[in-house]
């Protein structure tokens, strides 16, 4: 387990994507506060992270589907 923002978390499942010059890590994690999706981008040796609570994953996926379908 690693510490994320002061809370110990464990990875439940993980995926890694290589897109152009970026590497994306998509992890479903869990800590004392519950489950969450963590998306980390590694680009030119810089790392950025976004955390989405499990309660927001459905809305996040709907937004991505709209963008992918071109209906924005």
N, C-alpha and C. Protein backbone atom coordinates (compact mmCIF):
# COMPACT_ATOMS: atom_id res chain seq x y z
N UNK A 1 0.83 -1.19 0.00
CA UNK A 1 0.00 0.00 0.00
C UNK A 1 0.87 1.25 0.00
N UNK A 2 0.37 2.27 -0.68
CA UNK A 2 1.06 3.55 -0.71
C UNK A 2 0.21 4.59 -0.01
N UNK A 3 0.85 5.63 0.41
CA UNK A 3 0.11 6.74 1.02
C UNK A 3 -0.35 7.70 -0.07
N UNK A 4 -1.61 8.05 -0.07
CA UNK A 4 -2.19 9.02 -0.99
C UNK A 4 -2.82 10.12 -0.15
N UNK A 5 -2.21 11.27 -0.14
CA UNK A 5 -2.78 12.39 0.60
C UNK A 5 -2.95 12.10 2.07
N UNK A 6 -2.06 11.32 2.66
CA UNK A 6 -2.12 11.03 4.08
C UNK A 6 -2.89 9.78 4.44
N UNK A 7 -3.63 9.21 3.52
CA UNK A 7 -4.41 8.00 3.79
C UNK A 7 -3.79 6.82 3.04
N UNK A 8 -3.68 5.69 3.71
CA UNK A 8 -3.16 4.50 3.04
C UNK A 8 -4.19 4.01 2.04
N UNK A 9 -3.73 3.68 0.84
CA UNK A 9 -4.65 3.17 -0.17
C UNK A 9 -4.07 1.92 -0.79
N UNK A 10 -4.96 1.10 -1.35
CA UNK A 10 -4.49 -0.08 -2.06
C UNK A 10 -5.11 -0.09 -3.44
N UNK A 11 -4.36 -0.60 -4.39
CA UNK A 11 -4.82 -0.67 -5.78
C UNK A 11 -5.69 -1.91 -5.94
N UNK A 12 -6.92 -1.73 -6.44
CA UNK A 12 -7.82 -2.84 -6.70
C UNK A 12 -7.64 -3.38 -8.12
N UNK A 13 -7.47 -2.47 -9.06
CA UNK A 13 -7.19 -2.84 -10.45
C UNK A 13 -6.48 -1.67 -11.11
N UNK A 14 -5.73 -1.96 -12.16
CA UNK A 14 -4.92 -0.93 -12.77
C UNK A 14 -4.79 -1.16 -14.27
N UNK A 15 -4.62 -0.09 -15.02
CA UNK A 15 -4.37 -0.18 -16.45
C UNK A 15 -3.37 0.92 -16.81
N UNK A 16 -2.62 0.68 -17.88
CA UNK A 16 -1.60 1.63 -18.32
C UNK A 16 -1.77 1.85 -19.82
N UNK A 17 -1.83 3.11 -20.22
CA UNK A 17 -2.02 3.46 -21.62
C UNK A 17 -0.86 4.31 -22.11
N UNK A 18 -0.42 4.06 -23.34
CA UNK A 18 0.60 4.90 -23.98
C UNK A 18 -0.09 5.61 -25.15
N UNK A 19 -0.19 6.93 -25.06
CA UNK A 19 -0.84 7.73 -26.09
C UNK A 19 0.10 8.87 -26.45
N UNK A 20 0.57 8.87 -27.69
CA UNK A 20 1.55 9.84 -28.18
C UNK A 20 2.75 9.85 -27.23
N UNK A 21 3.09 10.99 -26.64
CA UNK A 21 4.26 11.04 -25.77
C UNK A 21 3.88 10.96 -24.29
N UNK A 22 2.67 10.48 -24.02
CA UNK A 22 2.16 10.41 -22.66
C UNK A 22 1.95 8.97 -22.22
N UNK A 23 2.11 8.75 -20.94
CA UNK A 23 1.75 7.48 -20.33
C UNK A 23 0.69 7.78 -19.29
N UNK A 24 -0.45 7.09 -19.39
CA UNK A 24 -1.54 7.27 -18.43
C UNK A 24 -1.68 6.02 -17.58
N UNK A 25 -1.81 6.23 -16.28
CA UNK A 25 -2.05 5.15 -15.34
C UNK A 25 -3.46 5.33 -14.80
N UNK A 26 -4.31 4.34 -14.98
CA UNK A 26 -5.69 4.39 -14.52
C UNK A 26 -5.84 3.33 -13.44
N UNK A 27 -6.05 3.79 -12.21
CA UNK A 27 -6.10 2.88 -11.07
C UNK A 27 -7.41 3.03 -10.32
N UNK A 28 -8.03 1.91 -9.99
CA UNK A 28 -9.14 1.90 -9.05
C UNK A 28 -8.52 1.57 -7.71
N UNK A 29 -8.69 2.48 -6.75
CA UNK A 29 -8.05 2.33 -5.45
C UNK A 29 -9.10 2.38 -4.34
N UNK A 30 -8.64 2.01 -3.15
CA UNK A 30 -9.52 2.03 -1.99
C UNK A 30 -8.70 2.46 -0.78
N UNK A 31 -9.31 3.30 0.05
CA UNK A 31 -8.70 3.66 1.33
C UNK A 31 -9.81 3.73 2.38
N UNK A 32 -9.50 4.26 3.54
CA UNK A 32 -10.49 4.33 4.62
C UNK A 32 -11.73 5.14 4.21
N UNK A 33 -11.57 6.07 3.29
CA UNK A 33 -12.68 6.90 2.83
C UNK A 33 -13.54 6.24 1.77
N UNK A 34 -13.10 5.12 1.21
CA UNK A 34 -13.86 4.42 0.18
C UNK A 34 -13.03 4.22 -1.08
N UNK A 35 -13.74 3.88 -2.14
CA UNK A 35 -13.09 3.62 -3.43
C UNK A 35 -13.04 4.89 -4.27
N UNK A 36 -12.02 4.95 -5.14
CA UNK A 36 -11.87 6.11 -6.02
C UNK A 36 -11.05 5.72 -7.24
N UNK A 37 -11.25 6.48 -8.30
CA UNK A 37 -10.49 6.31 -9.53
C UNK A 37 -9.37 7.34 -9.52
N UNK A 38 -8.17 6.89 -9.77
CA UNK A 38 -7.03 7.82 -9.86
C UNK A 38 -6.44 7.70 -11.25
N UNK A 39 -6.35 8.82 -11.94
CA UNK A 39 -5.76 8.88 -13.27
C UNK A 39 -4.51 9.73 -13.17
N UNK A 40 -3.37 9.14 -13.50
CA UNK A 40 -2.11 9.86 -13.44
C UNK A 40 -1.51 9.91 -14.83
N UNK A 41 -0.99 11.07 -15.20
CA UNK A 41 -0.37 11.27 -16.50
C UNK A 41 1.13 11.52 -16.29
N UNK A 42 1.92 10.79 -17.05
CA UNK A 42 3.36 11.02 -17.06
C UNK A 42 3.72 11.51 -18.45
N UNK A 43 4.18 12.76 -18.53
CA UNK A 43 4.51 13.36 -19.81
C UNK A 43 5.77 14.20 -19.64
N UNK A 44 6.77 13.90 -20.43
CA UNK A 44 8.04 14.63 -20.34
C UNK A 44 8.56 14.69 -18.91
N UNK A 45 8.52 13.56 -18.22
CA UNK A 45 9.00 13.42 -16.84
C UNK A 45 8.23 14.25 -15.82
N UNK A 46 7.03 14.67 -16.16
CA UNK A 46 6.15 15.39 -15.24
C UNK A 46 4.93 14.55 -14.96
N UNK A 47 4.51 14.48 -13.71
CA UNK A 47 3.37 13.65 -13.34
C UNK A 47 2.25 14.53 -12.80
N UNK A 48 1.05 14.32 -13.34
CA UNK A 48 -0.16 15.01 -12.88
C UNK A 48 -1.19 13.96 -12.52
N UNK A 49 -1.99 14.23 -11.51
CA UNK A 49 -2.95 13.24 -11.03
C UNK A 49 -4.32 13.86 -10.83
N UNK A 50 -5.36 13.10 -11.20
CA UNK A 50 -6.75 13.47 -10.96
C UNK A 50 -7.37 12.33 -10.19
N UNK A 51 -8.15 12.66 -9.15
CA UNK A 51 -8.83 11.65 -8.35
C UNK A 51 -10.33 11.89 -8.45
N UNK A 52 -11.08 10.83 -8.77
CA UNK A 52 -12.53 10.92 -8.90
C UNK A 52 -13.15 9.94 -7.92
N UNK A 53 -13.98 10.41 -7.00
CA UNK A 53 -14.64 9.51 -6.06
C UNK A 53 -15.51 8.51 -6.82
N UNK A 54 -15.69 7.32 -6.27
CA UNK A 54 -16.47 6.28 -6.93
C UNK A 54 -17.89 6.78 -7.25
N UNK A 55 -18.42 7.67 -6.42
CA UNK A 55 -19.77 8.20 -6.65
C UNK A 55 -19.84 9.06 -7.92
N UNK A 56 -18.71 9.51 -8.44
CA UNK A 56 -18.71 10.35 -9.64
C UNK A 56 -18.29 9.64 -10.91
N UNK A 57 -17.97 8.35 -10.82
CA UNK A 57 -17.46 7.64 -12.00
C UNK A 57 -18.50 7.54 -13.11
N UNK A 58 -19.75 7.29 -12.77
CA UNK A 58 -20.78 7.17 -13.81
C UNK A 58 -20.92 8.48 -14.59
N UNK A 59 -20.97 9.61 -13.90
CA UNK A 59 -21.08 10.92 -14.57
C UNK A 59 -19.82 11.20 -15.39
N UNK A 60 -18.66 10.82 -14.87
CA UNK A 60 -17.40 11.01 -15.59
C UNK A 60 -17.41 10.20 -16.88
N UNK A 61 -17.85 8.94 -16.82
CA UNK A 61 -17.91 8.08 -18.01
C UNK A 61 -18.91 8.63 -19.03
N UNK A 62 -20.05 9.13 -18.57
CA UNK A 62 -21.04 9.71 -19.48
C UNK A 62 -20.43 10.91 -20.22
N UNK A 63 -19.68 11.71 -19.52
CA UNK A 63 -19.04 12.87 -20.13
C UNK A 63 -18.02 12.43 -21.18
N UNK A 64 -17.21 11.43 -20.86
CA UNK A 64 -16.24 10.91 -21.83
C UNK A 64 -16.93 10.33 -23.06
N UNK A 65 -18.04 9.62 -22.86
CA UNK A 65 -18.77 9.03 -23.99
C UNK A 65 -19.34 10.12 -24.90
N UNK A 66 -19.84 11.21 -24.32
CA UNK A 66 -20.35 12.32 -25.12
C UNK A 66 -19.24 12.93 -25.96
N UNK A 67 -18.09 13.12 -25.34
CA UNK A 67 -16.96 13.72 -26.06
C UNK A 67 -16.49 12.79 -27.16
N UNK A 68 -16.38 11.48 -26.88
CA UNK A 68 -15.92 10.52 -27.87
C UNK A 68 -16.90 10.41 -29.04
N UNK A 69 -18.19 10.58 -28.77
CA UNK A 69 -19.21 10.48 -29.81
C UNK A 69 -19.35 11.79 -30.58
N UNK A 70 -18.70 12.84 -30.11
CA UNK A 70 -18.79 14.13 -30.79
C UNK A 70 -20.07 14.88 -30.49
N UNK A 71 -20.78 14.50 -29.42
CA UNK A 71 -22.04 15.17 -29.09
C UNK A 71 -21.86 16.10 -27.91
N UNK A 72 -20.94 17.03 -28.03
CA UNK A 72 -20.68 18.01 -26.98
C UNK A 72 -21.17 19.36 -27.38
